[in-house]
Amino acid sequence: MTFHAVRFPDGALGVLDLSDEWPRAAHGCAGCARTGASLRHVAQGAAVDAAVLLCGDCDPLRPTN
């Protein structure tokens, strides 16, 4: 895991601890590098033009029942 600067949809800058595979594997979850799961776009890389996608297990804002 590595810290990366990201820009959230509201324009705020932040830092997320992301998989070492991100952004090379930007098509998968940025937290665990899992592919094929339902992913949610949560941010955009601030220094790298790549989407930050998270699966339900890694997304801290995922809805819970």
PDB file of N, CA and C in Angstrom:
ATOM      1  N   MET A   1       0.848  -1.176   0.000  1.00  0.00           N
ATOM      2  CA  MET A   1       0.000   0.000   0.000  1.00  0.00           C
ATOM      3  C   MET A   1       0.895   1.241   0.000  1.00  0.00           C
ATOM      4  N   THR A   2       0.431   2.232  -0.754  1.00  0.00           N
ATOM      5  CA  THR A   2       1.175   3.467  -0.924  1.00  0.00           C
ATOM      6  C   THR A   2       0.196   4.634  -0.858  1.00  0.00           C
ATOM      7  N   PHE A   3       0.603   5.728  -0.256  1.00  0.00           N
ATOM      8  CA  PHE A   3      -0.241   6.915  -0.197  1.00  0.00           C
ATOM      9  C   PHE A   3      -0.150   7.675  -1.512  1.00  0.00           C
ATOM     10  N   HIS A   4      -1.323   8.080  -2.028  1.00  0.00           N
ATOM     11  CA  HIS A   4      -1.409   8.831  -3.283  1.00  0.00           C
ATOM     12  C   HIS A   4      -2.294  10.047  -3.075  1.00  0.00           C
ATOM     13  N   ALA A   5      -1.915  11.169  -3.700  1.00  0.00           N
ATOM     14  CA  ALA A   5      -2.753  12.362  -3.691  1.00  0.00           C
ATOM     15  C   ALA A   5      -3.892  12.153  -4.673  1.00  0.00           C
ATOM     16  N   VAL A   6      -5.098  12.494  -4.246  1.00  0.00           N
ATOM     17  CA  VAL A   6      -6.279  12.329  -5.090  1.00  0.00           C
ATOM     18  C   VAL A   6      -7.148  13.573  -5.011  1.00  0.00           C
ATOM     19  N   ARG A   7      -7.983  13.750  -6.039  1.00  0.00           N
ATOM     20  CA  ARG A   7      -8.966  14.839  -6.054  1.00  0.00           C
ATOM     21  C   ARG A   7     -10.348  14.202  -6.021  1.00  0.00           C
ATOM     22  N   PHE A   8     -11.141  14.573  -5.023  1.00  0.00           N
ATOM     23  CA  PHE A   8     -12.483  14.050  -4.854  1.00  0.00           C
ATOM     24  C   PHE A   8     -13.460  14.804  -5.760  1.00  0.00           C
ATOM     25  N   PRO A   9     -14.646  14.230  -6.025  1.00  0.00           N
ATOM     26  CA  PRO A   9     -15.602  14.871  -6.939  1.00  0.00           C
ATOM     27  C   PRO A   9     -15.975  16.310  -6.570  1.00  0.00           C
ATOM     28  N   ASP A  10     -15.923  16.651  -5.286  1.00  0.00           N
ATOM     29  CA  ASP A  10     -16.258  18.021  -4.880  1.00  0.00           C
ATOM     30  C   ASP A  10     -15.091  18.989  -5.066  1.00  0.00           C
ATOM     31  N   GLY A  11     -13.956  18.495  -5.603  1.00  0.00           N
ATOM     32  CA  GLY A  11     -12.791  19.335  -5.859  1.00  0.00           C
ATOM     33  C   GLY A  11     -11.754  19.321  -4.753  1.00  0.00           C
ATOM     34  N   ALA A  12     -12.086  18.741  -3.610  1.00  0.00           N
ATOM     35  CA  ALA A  12     -11.146  18.695  -2.485  1.00  0.00           C
ATOM     36  C   ALA A  12      -9.995  17.738  -2.788  1.00  0.00           C
ATOM     37  N   LEU A  13      -8.823  18.095  -2.299  1.00  0.00           N
ATOM     38  CA  LEU A  13      -7.663  17.218  -2.415  1.00  0.00           C
ATOM     39  C   LEU A  13      -7.553  16.373  -1.157  1.00  0.00           C
ATOM     40  N   GLY A  14      -7.040  15.171  -1.310  1.00  0.00           N
ATOM     41  CA  GLY A  14      -6.863  14.287  -0.170  1.00  0.00           C
ATOM     42  C   GLY A  14      -5.799  13.262  -0.458  1.00  0.00           C
ATOM     43  N   VAL A  15      -5.577  12.393   0.493  1.00  0.00           N
ATOM     44  CA  VAL A  15      -4.583  11.326   0.351  1.00  0.00           C
ATOM     45  C   VAL A  15      -5.262  10.016   0.728  1.00  0.00           C
ATOM     46  N   LEU A  16      -5.087   9.007  -0.128  1.00  0.00           N
ATOM     47  CA  LEU A  16      -5.628   7.682   0.139  1.00  0.00           C
ATOM     48  C   LEU A  16      -4.504   6.661   0.099  1.00  0.00           C
ATOM     49  N   ASP A  17      -4.605   5.653   0.946  1.00  0.00           N
ATOM     50  CA  ASP A  17      -3.659   4.536   0.964  1.00  0.00           C
ATOM     51  C   ASP A  17      -4.172   3.509  -0.039  1.00  0.00           C
ATOM     52  N   LEU A  18      -3.499   3.416  -1.197  1.00  0.00           N
ATOM     53  CA  LEU A  18      -3.980   2.590  -2.295  1.00  0.00           C
ATOM     54  C   LEU A  18      -3.022   1.439  -2.578  1.00  0.00           C
ATOM     55  N   SER A  19      -3.526   0.471  -3.304  1.00  0.00           N
ATOM     56  CA  SER A  19      -2.746  -0.693  -3.708  1.00  0.00           C
ATOM     57  C   SER A  19      -1.493  -0.263  -4.463  1.00  0.00           C
ATOM     58  N   ASP A  20      -0.420  -1.021  -4.313  1.00  0.00           N
ATOM     59  CA  ASP A  20       0.806  -0.745  -5.055  1.00  0.00           C
ATOM     60  C   ASP A  20       0.596  -0.902  -6.554  1.00  0.00           C
ATOM     61  N   GLU A  21      -0.462  -1.595  -6.955  1.00  0.00           N
ATOM     62  CA  GLU A  21      -0.773  -1.796  -8.373  1.00  0.00           C
ATOM     63  C   GLU A  21      -1.409  -0.566  -9.015  1.00  0.00           C
ATOM     64  N   TRP A  22      -1.967   0.336  -8.209  1.00  0.00           N
ATOM     65  CA  TRP A  22      -2.611   1.526  -8.755  1.00  0.00           C
ATOM     66  C   TRP A  22      -1.527   2.535  -9.094  1.00  0.00           C
ATOM     67  N   PRO A  23      -1.498   3.256 -10.178  1.00  0.00           N
ATOM     68  CA  PRO A  23      -2.511   3.366 -11.221  1.00  0.00           C
ATOM     69  C   PRO A  23      -2.293   2.416 -12.407  1.00  0.00           C
ATOM     70  N   ARG A  24      -1.267   1.581 -12.365  1.00  0.00           N
ATOM     71  CA  ARG A  24      -1.028   0.669 -13.495  1.00  0.00           C
ATOM     72  C   ARG A  24      -2.241  -0.212 -13.751  1.00  0.00           C
ATOM     73  N   ALA A  25      -2.940  -0.585 -12.702  1.00  0.00           N
ATOM     74  CA  ALA A  25      -4.135  -1.420 -12.826  1.00  0.00           C
ATOM     75  C   ALA A  25      -5.363  -0.600 -12.463  1.00  0.00           C
ATOM     76  N   ALA A  26      -5.524   0.561 -13.100  1.00  0.00           N
ATOM     77  CA  ALA A  26      -6.606   1.490 -12.754  1.00  0.00           C
ATOM     78  C   ALA A  26      -7.984   0.934 -13.083  1.00  0.00           C
ATOM     79  N   HIS A  27      -8.058  -0.180 -13.796  1.00  0.00           N
ATOM     80  CA  HIS A  27      -9.354  -0.781 -14.127  1.00  0.00           C
ATOM     81  C   HIS A  27      -9.884  -1.632 -12.974  1.00  0.00           C
ATOM     82  N   GLY A  28      -9.072  -1.869 -11.961  1.00  0.00           N
ATOM     83  CA  GLY A  28      -9.497  -2.654 -10.802  1.00  0.00           C
ATOM     84  C   GLY A  28      -9.636  -1.784  -9.564  1.00  0.00           C
ATOM     85  N   CYS A  29      -9.932  -2.416  -8.449  1.00  0.00           N
ATOM     86  CA  CYS A  29     -10.067  -1.698  -7.183  1.00  0.00           C
ATOM     87  C   CYS A  29      -8.719  -1.100  -6.782  1.00  0.00           C
ATOM     88  N   ALA A  30      -8.720   0.181  -6.440  1.00  0.00           N
ATOM     89  CA  ALA A  30      -7.487   0.856  -6.044  1.00  0.00           C
ATOM     90  C   ALA A  30      -7.036   0.443  -4.647  1.00  0.00           C
ATOM     91  N   GLY A  31      -7.921  -0.180  -3.882  1.00  0.00           N
ATOM     92  CA  GLY A  31      -7.568  -0.607  -2.534  1.00  0.00           C
ATOM     93  C   GLY A  31      -6.952  -1.991  -2.489  1.00  0.00           C
ATOM     94  N   CYS A  32      -7.561  -2.936  -3.216  1.00  0.00           N
ATOM     95  CA  CYS A  32      -7.097  -4.329  -3.138  1.00  0.00           C
ATOM     96  C   CYS A  32      -6.709  -4.906  -4.499  1.00  0.00           C
ATOM     97  N   ALA A  33      -6.853  -4.127  -5.563  1.00  0.00           N
ATOM     98  CA  ALA A  33      -6.518  -4.518  -6.935  1.00  0.00           C
ATOM     99  C   ALA A  33      -7.427  -5.612  -7.489  1.00  0.00           C
ATOM    100  N   ARG A  34      -8.532  -5.892  -6.817  1.00  0.00           N
ATOM    101  CA  ARG A  34      -9.495  -6.888  -7.305  1.00  0.00           C
ATOM    102  C   ARG A  34     -10.163  -6.365  -8.571  1.00  0.00           C
ATOM    103  N   THR A  35     -10.353  -7.250  -9.533  1.00  0.00           N
ATOM    104  CA  THR A  35     -11.073  -6.898 -10.749  1.00  0.00           C
ATOM    105  C   THR A  35     -12.352  -7.719 -10.817  1.00  0.00           C
ATOM    106  N   GLY A  36     -13.271  -7.281 -11.621  1.00  0.00           N
ATOM    107  CA  GLY A  36     -14.516  -8.011 -11.801  1.00  0.00           C
ATOM    108  C   GLY A  36     -15.564  -7.738 -10.742  1.00  0.00           C
ATOM    109  N   ALA A  37     -15.224  -6.992  -9.719  1.00  0.00           N
ATOM    110  CA  ALA A  37     -16.187  -6.656  -8.665  1.00  0.00           C
ATOM    111  C   ALA A  37     -16.928  -5.378  -9.066  1.00  0.00           C
ATOM    112  N   SER A  38     -18.010  -5.097  -8.384  1.00  0.00           N
ATOM    113  CA  SER A  38     -18.726  -3.850  -8.590  1.00  0.00           C
ATOM    114  C   SER A  38     -17.868  -2.735  -8.000  1.00  0.00           C
ATOM    115  N   LEU A  39     -17.436  -1.801  -8.838  1.00  0.00           N
ATOM    116  CA  LEU A  39     -16.533  -0.738  -8.406  1.00  0.00           C
ATOM    117  C   LEU A  39     -17.231   0.609  -8.457  1.00  0.00           C
ATOM    118  N   ARG A  40     -16.884   1.465  -7.492  1.00  0.00           N
ATOM    119  CA  ARG A  40     -17.446   2.818  -7.432  1.00  0.00           C
ATOM    120  C   ARG A  40     -16.322   3.818  -7.627  1.00  0.00           C
ATOM    121  N   HIS A  41     -16.551   4.808  -8.512  1.00  0.00           N
ATOM    122  CA  HIS A  41     -15.568   5.876  -8.743  1.00  0.00           C
ATOM    123  C   HIS A  41     -15.625   6.825  -7.558  1.00  0.00           C
ATOM    124  N   VAL A  42     -14.531   6.935  -6.793  1.00  0.00           N
ATOM    125  CA  VAL A  42     -14.531   7.784  -5.604  1.00  0.00           C
ATOM    126  C   VAL A  42     -13.662   9.026  -5.748  1.00  0.00           C
ATOM    127  N   ALA A  43     -12.684   8.989  -6.661  1.00  0.00           N
ATOM    128  CA  ALA A  43     -11.780  10.126  -6.817  1.00  0.00           C
ATOM    129  C   ALA A  43     -11.008   9.971  -8.119  1.00  0.00           C
ATOM    130  N   GLN A  44     -10.179  10.974  -8.397  1.00  0.00           N
ATOM    131  CA  GLN A  44      -9.292  10.975  -9.552  1.00  0.00           C
ATOM    132  C   GLN A  44      -7.891  11.239  -9.033  1.00  0.00           C
ATOM    133  N   GLY A  45      -6.906  10.575  -9.592  1.00  0.00           N
ATOM    134  CA  GLY A  45      -5.526  10.830  -9.168  1.00  0.00           C
ATOM    135  C   GLY A  45      -5.176  12.294  -9.346  1.00  0.00           C
ATOM    136  N   ALA A  46      -4.506  12.905  -8.383  1.00  0.00           N
ATOM    137  CA  ALA A  46      -4.133  14.313  -8.483  1.00  0.00           C
ATOM    138  C   ALA A  46      -2.862  14.479  -9.309  1.00  0.00           C
ATOM    139  N   ALA A  47      -1.913  13.569  -9.161  1.00  0.00           N
ATOM    140  CA  ALA A  47      -0.661  13.643  -9.910  1.00  0.00           C
ATOM    141  C   ALA A  47      -0.674  12.718 -11.123  1.00  0.00           C
ATOM    142  N   VAL A  48      -1.578  11.767 -11.128  1.00  0.00           N
ATOM    143  CA  VAL A  48      -1.690  10.775 -12.190  1.00  0.00           C
ATOM    144  C   VAL A  48      -3.123  10.816 -12.711  1.00  0.00           C
ATOM    145  N   ASP A  49      -3.281  10.859 -14.033  1.00  0.00           N
ATOM    146  CA  ASP A  49      -4.623  10.902 -14.603  1.00  0.00           C
ATOM    147  C   ASP A  49      -5.205   9.494 -14.649  1.00  0.00           C
ATOM    148  N   ALA A  50      -5.690   9.023 -13.513  1.00  0.00           N
ATOM    149  CA  ALA A  50      -6.296   7.700 -13.410  1.00  0.00           C
ATOM    150  C   ALA A  50      -7.410   7.755 -12.376  1.00  0.00           C
ATOM    151  N   ALA A  51      -8.482   7.045 -12.656  1.00  0.00           N
ATOM    152  CA  ALA A  51      -9.619   6.998 -11.740  1.00  0.00           C
ATOM    153  C   ALA A  51      -9.279   6.160 -10.517  1.00  0.00           C
ATOM    154  N   VAL A  52      -9.823   6.564  -9.374  1.00  0.00           N
ATOM    155  CA  VAL A  52      -9.717   5.776  -8.153  1.00  0.00           C
ATOM    156  C   VAL A  52     -11.054   5.066  -7.984  1.00  0.00           C
ATOM    157  N   LEU A  53     -11.049   3.758  -8.232  1.00  0.00           N
ATOM    158  CA  LEU A  53     -12.242   2.926  -8.119  1.00  0.00           C
ATOM    159  C   LEU A  53     -12.084   2.031  -6.905  1.00  0.00           C
ATOM    160  N   LEU A  54     -13.138   1.880  -6.114  1.00  0.00           N
ATOM    161  CA  LEU A  54     -13.083   1.011  -4.941  1.00  0.00           C
ATOM    162  C   LEU A  54     -14.210  -0.008  -4.982  1.00  0.00           C
ATOM    163  N   CYS A  55     -13.893  -1.236  -4.545  1.00  0.00           N
ATOM    164  CA  CYS A  55     -14.912  -2.274  -4.416  1.00  0.00           C
ATOM    165  C   CYS A  55     -15.641  -2.071  -3.088  1.00  0.00           C
ATOM    166  N   GLY A  56     -16.708  -2.803  -2.885  1.00  0.00           N
ATOM    167  CA  GLY A  56     -17.507  -2.667  -1.665  1.00  0.00           C
ATOM    168  C   GLY A  56     -16.731  -2.947  -0.396  1.00  0.00           C
ATOM    169  N   ASP A  57     -15.756  -3.867  -0.450  1.00  0.00           N
ATOM    170  CA  ASP A  57     -14.968  -4.200   0.742  1.00  0.00           C
ATOM    171  C   ASP A  57     -14.004  -3.087   1.129  1.00  0.00           C
ATOM    172  N   CYS A  58     -13.536  -2.311   0.157  1.00  0.00           N
ATOM    173  CA  CYS A  58     -12.540  -1.264   0.425  1.00  0.00           C
ATOM    174  C   CYS A  58     -13.152   0.129   0.545  1.00  0.00           C
ATOM    175  N   ASP A  59     -14.393   0.289   0.151  1.00  0.00           N
ATOM    176  CA  ASP A  59     -15.049   1.595   0.141  1.00  0.00           C
ATOM    177  C   ASP A  59     -15.594   1.922   1.534  1.00  0.00           C
ATOM    178  N   PRO A  60     -15.013   2.907   2.218  1.00  0.00           N
ATOM    179  CA  PRO A  60     -15.488   3.238   3.569  1.00  0.00           C
ATOM    180  C   PRO A  60     -16.874   3.860   3.579  1.00  0.00           C
ATOM    181  N   LEU A  61     -17.350   4.334   2.443  1.00  0.00           N
ATOM    182  CA  LEU A  61     -18.666   4.977   2.373  1.00  0.00           C
ATOM    183  C   LEU A  61     -19.716   4.075   1.754  1.00  0.00           C
ATOM    184  N   ARG A  62     -19.403   2.782   1.603  1.00  0.00           N
ATOM    185  CA  ARG A  62     -20.378   1.865   1.001  1.00  0.00           C
ATOM    186  C   ARG A  62     -21.615   1.766   1.888  1.00  0.00           C
ATOM    187  N   PRO A  63     -22.765   1.650   1.258  1.00  0.00           N
ATOM    188  CA  PRO A  63     -23.980   1.503   2.056  1.00  0.00           C
ATOM    189  C   PRO A  63     -23.994   0.159   2.786  1.00  0.00           C
ATOM    190  N   THR A  64     -24.441   0.160   4.008  1.00  0.00           N
ATOM    191  CA  THR A  64     -24.558  -1.070   4.768  1.00  0.00           C
ATOM    192  C   THR A  64     -26.012  -1.260   5.177  1.00  0.00           C
ATOM    193  N   ASN A  65     -26.414  -2.473   5.264  1.00  0.00           N
ATOM    194  CA  ASN A  65     -27.804  -2.776   5.662  1.00  0.00           C
ATOM    195  C   ASN A  65     -27.835  -3.281   7.074  1.00  0.00           C
TER     196      ASN A  65
END
